[in-house]
Amino acid sequence: AEPPFDPVPGTSTYSFLWRFALDHPFWLRDGE
């Protein structure tokens, strides 16, 4: 079922998921 996220007030439900992508640029070193 839909994952039961409880987001920070004022952010969209799945803001953490999108943030994961935005926090991991291509140029990070391997495994970092």
PDB file of all heavy atoms in Angstrom:
ATOM      1  N   ALA A   1       0.850  -1.193   0.000  1.00  0.00           N
ATOM      2  CA  ALA A   1       0.000   0.000   0.000  1.00  0.00           C
ATOM      3  C   ALA A   1       0.883   1.240   0.000  1.00  0.00           C
ATOM      4  O   ALA A   1       2.099   1.143   0.118  1.00  0.00           O
ATOM      5  CB  ALA A   1      -0.901  -0.004   1.227  1.00  0.00           C
ATOM      6  N   GLU A   2       0.234   2.385  -0.115  1.00  0.00           N
ATOM      7  CA  GLU A   2       0.993   3.641  -0.079  1.00  0.00           C
ATOM      8  C   GLU A   2       1.818   3.712   1.194  1.00  0.00           C
ATOM      9  O   GLU A   2       1.316   3.455   2.287  1.00  0.00           O
ATOM     10  CB  GLU A   2       0.026   4.833  -0.071  1.00  0.00           C
ATOM     11  CG  GLU A   2      -0.369   5.332  -1.424  1.00  0.00           C
ATOM     12  CD  GLU A   2      -1.342   6.496  -1.285  1.00  0.00           C
ATOM     13  OE1 GLU A   2      -0.905   7.567  -0.830  1.00  0.00           O
ATOM     14  OE2 GLU A   2      -2.524   6.320  -1.627  1.00  0.00           O
ATOM     15  N   PRO A   3       3.101   4.089   1.083  1.00  0.00           N
ATOM     16  CA  PRO A   3       3.903   4.203   2.301  1.00  0.00           C
ATOM     17  C   PRO A   3       3.359   5.303   3.214  1.00  0.00           C
ATOM     18  O   PRO A   3       2.999   6.377   2.744  1.00  0.00           O
ATOM     19  CB  PRO A   3       5.309   4.536   1.783  1.00  0.00           C
ATOM     20  CG  PRO A   3       5.161   4.904   0.353  1.00  0.00           C
ATOM     21  CD  PRO A   3       3.862   4.358  -0.142  1.00  0.00           C
ATOM     22  N   PRO A   4       3.265   5.013   4.512  1.00  0.00           N
ATOM     23  CA  PRO A   4       2.625   5.936   5.457  1.00  0.00           C
ATOM     24  C   PRO A   4       3.568   7.038   5.938  1.00  0.00           C
ATOM     25  O   PRO A   4       4.035   7.034   7.069  1.00  0.00           O
ATOM     26  CB  PRO A   4       2.211   5.002   6.600  1.00  0.00           C
ATOM     27  CG  PRO A   4       3.248   3.919   6.568  1.00  0.00           C
ATOM     28  CD  PRO A   4       3.655   3.746   5.140  1.00  0.00           C
ATOM     29  N   PHE A   5       3.843   8.002   5.082  1.00  0.00           N
ATOM     30  CA  PHE A   5       4.739   9.097   5.458  1.00  0.00           C
ATOM     31  C   PHE A   5       4.022  10.109   6.346  1.00  0.00           C
ATOM     32  O   PHE A   5       2.827  10.341   6.203  1.00  0.00           O
ATOM     33  CB  PHE A   5       5.263   9.800   4.199  1.00  0.00           C
ATOM     34  CG  PHE A   5       6.433   9.100   3.573  1.00  0.00           C
ATOM     35  CD1 PHE A   5       6.255   7.992   2.772  1.00  0.00           C
ATOM     36  CD2 PHE A   5       7.726   9.538   3.810  1.00  0.00           C
ATOM     37  CE1 PHE A   5       7.321   7.332   2.196  1.00  0.00           C
ATOM     38  CE2 PHE A   5       8.810   8.890   3.247  1.00  0.00           C
ATOM     39  CZ  PHE A   5       8.611   7.787   2.445  1.00  0.00           C
ATOM     40  N   ASP A   6       4.795  10.705   7.232  1.00  0.00           N
ATOM     41  CA  ASP A   6       4.286  11.743   8.128  1.00  0.00           C
ATOM     42  C   ASP A   6       5.219  12.939   7.938  1.00  0.00           C
ATOM     43  O   ASP A   6       6.175  13.117   8.693  1.00  0.00           O
ATOM     44  CB  ASP A   6       4.333  11.215   9.569  1.00  0.00           C
ATOM     45  CG  ASP A   6       3.686  12.189  10.539  1.00  0.00           C
ATOM     46  OD1 ASP A   6       2.952  13.084  10.074  1.00  0.00           O
ATOM     47  OD2 ASP A   6       3.934  12.052  11.756  1.00  0.00           O
ATOM     48  N   PRO A   7       4.980  13.758   6.903  1.00  0.00           N
ATOM     49  CA  PRO A   7       5.974  14.762   6.518  1.00  0.00           C
ATOM     50  C   PRO A   7       6.087  15.926   7.502  1.00  0.00           C
ATOM     51  O   PRO A   7       5.207  16.142   8.330  1.00  0.00           O
ATOM     52  CB  PRO A   7       5.451  15.259   5.170  1.00  0.00           C
ATOM     53  CG  PRO A   7       3.978  15.035   5.237  1.00  0.00           C
ATOM     54  CD  PRO A   7       3.773  13.799   6.059  1.00  0.00           C
ATOM     55  N   VAL A   8       7.169  16.642   7.393  1.00  0.00           N
ATOM     56  CA  VAL A   8       7.335  17.893   8.139  1.00  0.00           C
ATOM     57  C   VAL A   8       6.194  18.819   7.735  1.00  0.00           C
ATOM     58  O   VAL A   8       5.900  18.949   6.539  1.00  0.00           O
ATOM     59  CB  VAL A   8       8.701  18.542   7.796  1.00  0.00           C
ATOM     60  CG1 VAL A   8       8.826  19.913   8.409  1.00  0.00           C
ATOM     61  CG2 VAL A   8       9.847  17.641   8.257  1.00  0.00           C
ATOM     62  N   PRO A   9       5.530  19.472   8.707  1.00  0.00           N
ATOM     63  CA  PRO A   9       4.427  20.383   8.346  1.00  0.00           C
ATOM     64  C   PRO A   9       4.875  21.409   7.303  1.00  0.00           C
ATOM     65  O   PRO A   9       5.986  21.927   7.367  1.00  0.00           O
ATOM     66  CB  PRO A   9       4.093  21.056   9.682  1.00  0.00           C
ATOM     67  CG  PRO A   9       4.496  20.068  10.720  1.00  0.00           C
ATOM     68  CD  PRO A   9       5.714  19.375  10.169  1.00  0.00           C
ATOM     69  N   GLY A  10       3.992  21.636   6.333  1.00  0.00           N
ATOM     70  CA  GLY A  10       4.306  22.605   5.291  1.00  0.00           C
ATOM     71  C   GLY A  10       5.027  22.016   4.093  1.00  0.00           C
ATOM     72  O   GLY A  10       5.298  22.730   3.128  1.00  0.00           O
ATOM     73  N   THR A  11       5.359  20.709   4.139  1.00  0.00           N
ATOM     74  CA  THR A  11       6.000  20.069   2.983  1.00  0.00           C
ATOM     75  C   THR A  11       5.046  19.026   2.399  1.00  0.00           C
ATOM     76  O   THR A  11       4.118  18.580   3.071  1.00  0.00           O
ATOM     77  CB  THR A  11       7.326  19.372   3.373  1.00  0.00           C
ATOM     78  OG1 THR A  11       7.044  18.293   4.275  1.00  0.00           O
ATOM     79  CG2 THR A  11       8.294  20.343   4.031  1.00  0.00           C
ATOM     80  N   SER A  12       5.287  18.647   1.153  1.00  0.00           N
ATOM     81  CA  SER A  12       4.431  17.645   0.517  1.00  0.00           C
ATOM     82  C   SER A  12       4.689  16.268   1.143  1.00  0.00           C
ATOM     83  O   SER A  12       5.741  16.031   1.748  1.00  0.00           O
ATOM     84  CB  SER A  12       4.673  17.614  -0.992  1.00  0.00           C
ATOM     85  OG  SER A  12       5.968  17.127  -1.268  1.00  0.00           O
ATOM     86  N   THR A  13       3.733  15.384   0.978  1.00  0.00           N
ATOM     87  CA  THR A  13       3.763  14.089   1.677  1.00  0.00           C
ATOM     88  C   THR A  13       5.076  13.344   1.478  1.00  0.00           C
ATOM     89  O   THR A  13       5.649  12.791   2.407  1.00  0.00           O
ATOM     90  CB  THR A  13       2.590  13.215   1.209  1.00  0.00           C
ATOM     91  OG1 THR A  13       1.376  13.926   1.459  1.00  0.00           O
ATOM     92  CG2 THR A  13       2.545  11.899   1.973  1.00  0.00           C
ATOM     93  N   TYR A  14       5.564  13.327   0.233  1.00  0.00           N
ATOM     94  CA  TYR A  14       6.736  12.497  -0.069  1.00  0.00           C
ATOM     95  C   TYR A  14       7.998  13.344  -0.279  1.00  0.00           C
ATOM     96  O   TYR A  14       8.926  12.912  -0.965  1.00  0.00           O
ATOM     97  CB  TYR A  14       6.447  11.623  -1.300  1.00  0.00           C
ATOM     98  CG  TYR A  14       5.248  10.736  -1.070  1.00  0.00           C
ATOM     99  CD1 TYR A  14       4.063  10.937  -1.758  1.00  0.00           C
ATOM    100  CD2 TYR A  14       5.289   9.719  -0.110  1.00  0.00           C
ATOM    101  CE1 TYR A  14       2.954  10.142  -1.514  1.00  0.00           C
ATOM    102  CE2 TYR A  14       4.188   8.918   0.135  1.00  0.00           C
ATOM    103  CZ  TYR A  14       3.018   9.128  -0.566  1.00  0.00           C
ATOM    104  OH  TYR A  14       1.923   8.343  -0.314  1.00  0.00           O
ATOM    105  N   SER A  15       8.030  14.497   0.372  1.00  0.00           N
ATOM    106  CA  SER A  15       9.171  15.408   0.176  1.00  0.00           C
ATOM    107  C   SER A  15      10.506  14.739   0.509  1.00  0.00           C
ATOM    108  O   SER A  15      11.527  15.029  -0.135  1.00  0.00           O
ATOM    109  CB  SER A  15       9.000  16.691   0.997  1.00  0.00           C
ATOM    110  OG  SER A  15       8.792  16.383   2.360  1.00  0.00           O
ATOM    111  N   PHE A  16      10.510  13.823   1.477  1.00  0.00           N
ATOM    112  CA  PHE A  16      11.764  13.136   1.807  1.00  0.00           C
ATOM    113  C   PHE A  16      12.277  12.311   0.633  1.00  0.00           C
ATOM    114  O   PHE A  16      13.480  12.239   0.380  1.00  0.00           O
ATOM    115  CB  PHE A  16      11.598  12.239   3.038  1.00  0.00           C
ATOM    116  CG  PHE A  16      12.737  11.266   3.218  1.00  0.00           C
ATOM    117  CD1 PHE A  16      14.024  11.722   3.466  1.00  0.00           C
ATOM    118  CD2 PHE A  16      12.532   9.892   3.103  1.00  0.00           C
ATOM    119  CE1 PHE A  16      15.093  10.825   3.608  1.00  0.00           C
ATOM    120  CE2 PHE A  16      13.582   8.999   3.246  1.00  0.00           C
ATOM    121  CZ  PHE A  16      14.867   9.475   3.494  1.00  0.00           C
ATOM    122  N   LEU A  17      11.380  11.662  -0.112  1.00  0.00           N
ATOM    123  CA  LEU A  17      11.817  10.845  -1.258  1.00  0.00           C
ATOM    124  C   LEU A  17      12.490  11.709  -2.309  1.00  0.00           C
ATOM    125  O   LEU A  17      13.558  11.381  -2.823  1.00  0.00           O
ATOM    126  CB  LEU A  17      10.624  10.105  -1.872  1.00  0.00           C
ATOM    127  CG  LEU A  17       9.932   9.071  -0.985  1.00  0.00           C
ATOM    128  CD1 LEU A  17       8.758   8.447  -1.733  1.00  0.00           C
ATOM    129  CD2 LEU A  17      10.906   7.987  -0.521  1.00  0.00           C
ATOM    130  N   TRP A  18      11.848  12.830  -2.634  1.00  0.00           N
ATOM    131  CA  TRP A  18      12.446  13.720  -3.643  1.00  0.00           C
ATOM    132  C   TRP A  18      13.759  14.294  -3.106  1.00  0.00           C
ATOM    133  O   TRP A  18      14.725  14.454  -3.853  1.00  0.00           O
ATOM    134  CB  TRP A  18      11.480  14.831  -4.030  1.00  0.00           C
ATOM    135  CG  TRP A  18      10.043  14.436  -4.120  1.00  0.00           C
ATOM    136  CD1 TRP A  18       8.985  15.086  -3.546  1.00  0.00           C
ATOM    137  CD2 TRP A  18       9.462  13.317  -4.823  1.00  0.00           C
ATOM    138  NE1 TRP A  18       7.799  14.445  -3.832  1.00  0.00           N
ATOM    139  CE2 TRP A  18       8.065  13.356  -4.606  1.00  0.00           C
ATOM    140  CE3 TRP A  18       9.992  12.274  -5.596  1.00  0.00           C
ATOM    141  CZ2 TRP A  18       7.188  12.411  -5.140  1.00  0.00           C
ATOM    142  CZ3 TRP A  18       9.118  11.323  -6.129  1.00  0.00           C
ATOM    143  CH2 TRP A  18       7.737  11.394  -5.901  1.00  0.00           C
ATOM    144  N   ARG A  19      13.786  14.570  -1.826  1.00  0.00           N
ATOM    145  CA  ARG A  19      15.000  15.122  -1.235  1.00  0.00           C
ATOM    146  C   ARG A  19      16.169  14.139  -1.343  1.00  0.00           C
ATOM    147  O   ARG A  19      17.317  14.551  -1.537  1.00  0.00           O
ATOM    148  CB  ARG A  19      14.761  15.491   0.236  1.00  0.00           C
ATOM    149  CG  ARG A  19      16.025  15.996   0.882  1.00  0.00           C
ATOM    150  CD  ARG A  19      15.850  16.730   2.169  1.00  0.00           C
ATOM    151  NE  ARG A  19      17.173  17.127   2.644  1.00  0.00           N
ATOM    152  CZ  ARG A  19      17.381  17.723   3.798  1.00  0.00           C
ATOM    153  NH1 ARG A  19      16.378  18.031   4.601  1.00  0.00           N
ATOM    154  NH2 ARG A  19      18.619  18.044   4.165  1.00  0.00           N
ATOM    155  N   PHE A  20      15.887  12.851  -1.204  1.00  0.00           N
ATOM    156  CA  PHE A  20      16.960  11.858  -1.357  1.00  0.00           C
ATOM    157  C   PHE A  20      17.657  12.049  -2.701  1.00  0.00           C
ATOM    158  O   PHE A  20      18.893  12.045  -2.789  1.00  0.00           O
ATOM    159  CB  PHE A  20      16.413  10.428  -1.247  1.00  0.00           C
ATOM    160  CG  PHE A  20      17.467   9.376  -1.474  1.00  0.00           C
ATOM    161  CD1 PHE A  20      18.275   8.953  -0.434  1.00  0.00           C
ATOM    162  CD2 PHE A  20      17.683   8.836  -2.742  1.00  0.00           C
ATOM    163  CE1 PHE A  20      19.286   8.004  -0.643  1.00  0.00           C
ATOM    164  CE2 PHE A  20      18.680   7.888  -2.967  1.00  0.00           C
ATOM    165  CZ  PHE A  20      19.481   7.481  -1.912  1.00  0.00           C
ATOM    166  N   ALA A  21      16.857  12.203  -3.762  1.00  0.00           N
ATOM    167  CA  ALA A  21      17.443  12.410  -5.096  1.00  0.00           C
ATOM    168  C   ALA A  21      18.239  13.719  -5.133  1.00  0.00           C
ATOM    169  O   ALA A  21      19.349  13.765  -5.690  1.00  0.00           O
ATOM    170  CB  ALA A  21      16.348  12.419  -6.154  1.00  0.00           C
ATOM    171  N   LEU A  22      17.702  14.767  -4.534  1.00  0.00           N
ATOM    172  CA  LEU A  22      18.343  16.092  -4.596  1.00  0.00           C
ATOM    173  C   LEU A  22      19.590  16.173  -3.717  1.00  0.00           C
ATOM    174  O   LEU A  22      20.421  17.073  -3.901  1.00  0.00           O
ATOM    175  CB  LEU A  22      17.344  17.175  -4.183  1.00  0.00           C
ATOM    176  CG  LEU A  22      16.023  17.199  -4.970  1.00  0.00           C
ATOM    177  CD1 LEU A  22      15.131  18.326  -4.485  1.00  0.00           C
ATOM    178  CD2 LEU A  22      16.241  17.295  -6.469  1.00  0.00           C
ATOM    179  N   ASP A  23      19.726  15.251  -2.806  1.00  0.00           N
ATOM    180  CA  ASP A  23      20.894  15.238  -1.897  1.00  0.00           C
ATOM    181  C   ASP A  23      22.040  14.355  -2.409  1.00  0.00           C
ATOM    182  O   ASP A  23      23.059  14.213  -1.735  1.00  0.00           O
ATOM    183  CB  ASP A  23      20.479  14.730  -0.506  1.00  0.00           C
ATOM    184  CG  ASP A  23      19.744  15.784   0.310  1.00  0.00           C
ATOM    185  OD1 ASP A  23      19.770  16.970  -0.071  1.00  0.00           O
ATOM    186  OD2 ASP A  23      19.135  15.418   1.338  1.00  0.00           O
ATOM    187  N   HIS A  24      21.869  13.740  -3.586  1.00  0.00           N
ATOM    188  CA  HIS A  24      22.889  12.797  -4.065  1.00  0.00           C
ATOM    189  C   HIS A  24      23.309  13.101  -5.502  1.00  0.00           C
ATOM    190  O   HIS A  24      22.866  12.437  -6.445  1.00  0.00           O
ATOM    191  CB  HIS A  24      22.383  11.347  -3.919  1.00  0.00           C
ATOM    192  CG  HIS A  24      22.306  10.916  -2.494  1.00  0.00           C
ATOM    193  ND1 HIS A  24      21.185  11.092  -1.710  1.00  0.00           N
ATOM    194  CD2 HIS A  24      23.248  10.350  -1.695  1.00  0.00           C
ATOM    195  CE1 HIS A  24      21.441  10.643  -0.478  1.00  0.00           C
ATOM    196  NE2 HIS A  24      22.676  10.189  -0.443  1.00  0.00           N
ATOM    197  N   PRO A  25      24.181  14.109  -5.668  1.00  0.00           N
ATOM    198  CA  PRO A  25      24.672  14.430  -7.008  1.00  0.00           C
ATOM    199  C   PRO A  25      25.549  13.307  -7.574  1.00  0.00           C
ATOM    200  O   PRO A  25      26.114  12.502  -6.827  1.00  0.00           O
ATOM    201  CB  PRO A  25      25.480  15.711  -6.802  1.00  0.00           C
ATOM    202  CG  PRO A  25      25.849  15.726  -5.356  1.00  0.00           C
ATOM    203  CD  PRO A  25      24.745  15.003  -4.635  1.00  0.00           C
ATOM    204  N   PHE A  26      25.673  13.298  -8.895  1.00  0.00           N
ATOM    205  CA  PHE A  26      26.419  12.264  -9.607  1.00  0.00           C
ATOM    206  C   PHE A  26      27.867  12.167  -9.127  1.00  0.00           C
ATOM    207  O   PHE A  26      28.460  11.098  -9.088  1.00  0.00           O
ATOM    208  CB  PHE A  26      26.394  12.570 -11.114  1.00  0.00           C
ATOM    209  CG  PHE A  26      27.040  11.517 -11.964  1.00  0.00           C
ATOM    210  CD1 PHE A  26      26.295  10.474 -12.482  1.00  0.00           C
ATOM    211  CD2 PHE A  26      28.405  11.561 -12.259  1.00  0.00           C
ATOM    212  CE1 PHE A  26      26.885   9.490 -13.266  1.00  0.00           C
ATOM    213  CE2 PHE A  26      28.999  10.581 -13.048  1.00  0.00           C
ATOM    214  CZ  PHE A  26      28.232   9.538 -13.549  1.00  0.00           C
ATOM    215  N   TRP A  27      28.445  13.313  -8.764  1.00  0.00           N
ATOM    216  CA  TRP A  27      29.886  13.365  -8.509  1.00  0.00           C
ATOM    217  C   TRP A  27      30.315  12.932  -7.113  1.00  0.00           C
ATOM    218  O   TRP A  27      31.499  12.966  -6.786  1.00  0.00           O
ATOM    219  CB  TRP A  27      30.426  14.763  -8.814  1.00  0.00           C
ATOM    220  CG  TRP A  27      29.597  15.899  -8.284  1.00  0.00           C
ATOM    221  CD1 TRP A  27      28.677  16.638  -8.973  1.00  0.00           C
ATOM    222  CD2 TRP A  27      29.608  16.455  -6.965  1.00  0.00           C
ATOM    223  NE1 TRP A  27      28.117  17.597  -8.172  1.00  0.00           N
ATOM    224  CE2 TRP A  27      28.672  17.510  -6.943  1.00  0.00           C
ATOM    225  CE3 TRP A  27      30.327  16.144  -5.800  1.00  0.00           C
ATOM    226  CZ2 TRP A  27      28.428  18.273  -5.802  1.00  0.00           C
ATOM    227  CZ3 TRP A  27      30.085  16.890  -4.658  1.00  0.00           C
ATOM    228  CH2 TRP A  27      29.144  17.937  -4.675  1.00  0.00           C
ATOM    229  N   LEU A  28      29.378  12.487  -6.280  1.00  0.00           N
ATOM    230  CA  LEU A  28      29.796  11.908  -4.995  1.00  0.00           C
ATOM    231  C   LEU A  28      30.745  10.737  -5.248  1.00  0.00           C
ATOM    232  O   LEU A  28      30.616  10.030  -6.242  1.00  0.00           O
ATOM    233  CB  LEU A  28      28.583  11.401  -4.212  1.00  0.00           C
ATOM    234  CG  LEU A  28      27.648  12.452  -3.618  1.00  0.00           C
ATOM    235  CD1 LEU A  28      26.400  11.772  -3.064  1.00  0.00           C
ATOM    236  CD2 LEU A  28      28.347  13.261  -2.535  1.00  0.00           C
ATOM    237  N   ARG A  29      31.676  10.536  -4.365  1.00  0.00           N
ATOM    238  CA  ARG A  29      32.585   9.398  -4.536  1.00  0.00           C
ATOM    239  C   ARG A  29      31.838   8.089  -4.306  1.00  0.00           C
ATOM    240  O   ARG A  29      30.808   8.049  -3.653  1.00  0.00           O
ATOM    241  CB  ARG A  29      33.755   9.524  -3.556  1.00  0.00           C
ATOM    242  CG  ARG A  29      34.625  10.723  -3.905  1.00  0.00           C
ATOM    243  CD  ARG A  29      35.902  10.717  -3.104  1.00  0.00           C
ATOM    244  NE  ARG A  29      36.750  11.827  -3.527  1.00  0.00           N
ATOM    245  CZ  ARG A  29      38.000  11.995  -3.125  1.00  0.00           C
ATOM    246  NH1 ARG A  29      38.549  11.117  -2.298  1.00  0.00           N
ATOM    247  NH2 ARG A  29      38.703  13.024  -3.542  1.00  0.00           N
ATOM    248  N   ASP A  30      32.408   7.019  -4.834  1.00  0.00           N
ATOM    249  CA  ASP A  30      31.758   5.707  -4.758  1.00  0.00           C
ATOM    250  C   ASP A  30      31.397   5.349  -3.325  1.00  0.00           C
ATOM    251  O   ASP A  30      32.245   5.387  -2.428  1.00  0.00           O
ATOM    252  CB  ASP A  30      32.682   4.623  -5.328  1.00  0.00           C
ATOM    253  CG  ASP A  30      32.844   4.733  -6.831  1.00  0.00           C
ATOM    254  OD1 ASP A  30      32.137   5.559  -7.447  1.00  0.00           O
ATOM    255  OD2 ASP A  30      33.670   3.988  -7.393  1.00  0.00           O
ATOM    256  N   GLY A  31      30.130   4.990  -3.125  1.00  0.00           N
ATOM    257  CA  GLY A  31      29.685   4.544  -1.809  1.00  0.00           C
ATOM    258  C   GLY A  31      29.456   5.652  -0.805  1.00  0.00           C
ATOM    259  O   GLY A  31      29.185   5.385   0.364  1.00  0.00           O
ATOM    260  N   GLU A  32      29.555   6.910  -1.267  1.00  0.00           N
ATOM    261  CA  GLU A  32      29.497   8.038  -0.342  1.00  0.00           C
ATOM    262  C   GLU A  32      28.114   8.689  -0.347  1.00  0.00           C
ATOM    263  O   GLU A  32      27.425   8.675  -1.359  1.00  0.00           O
ATOM    264  CB  GLU A  32      30.512   9.087  -0.810  1.00  0.00           C
ATOM    265  CG  GLU A  32      31.342   9.664   0.292  1.00  0.00           C
ATOM    266  CD  GLU A  32      32.485  10.511  -0.279  1.00  0.00           C
ATOM    267  OE1 GLU A  32      32.276  11.285  -1.209  1.00  0.00           O
ATOM    268  OE2 GLU A  32      33.587  10.371   0.245  1.00  0.00           O
TER     269      GLU A  32
END
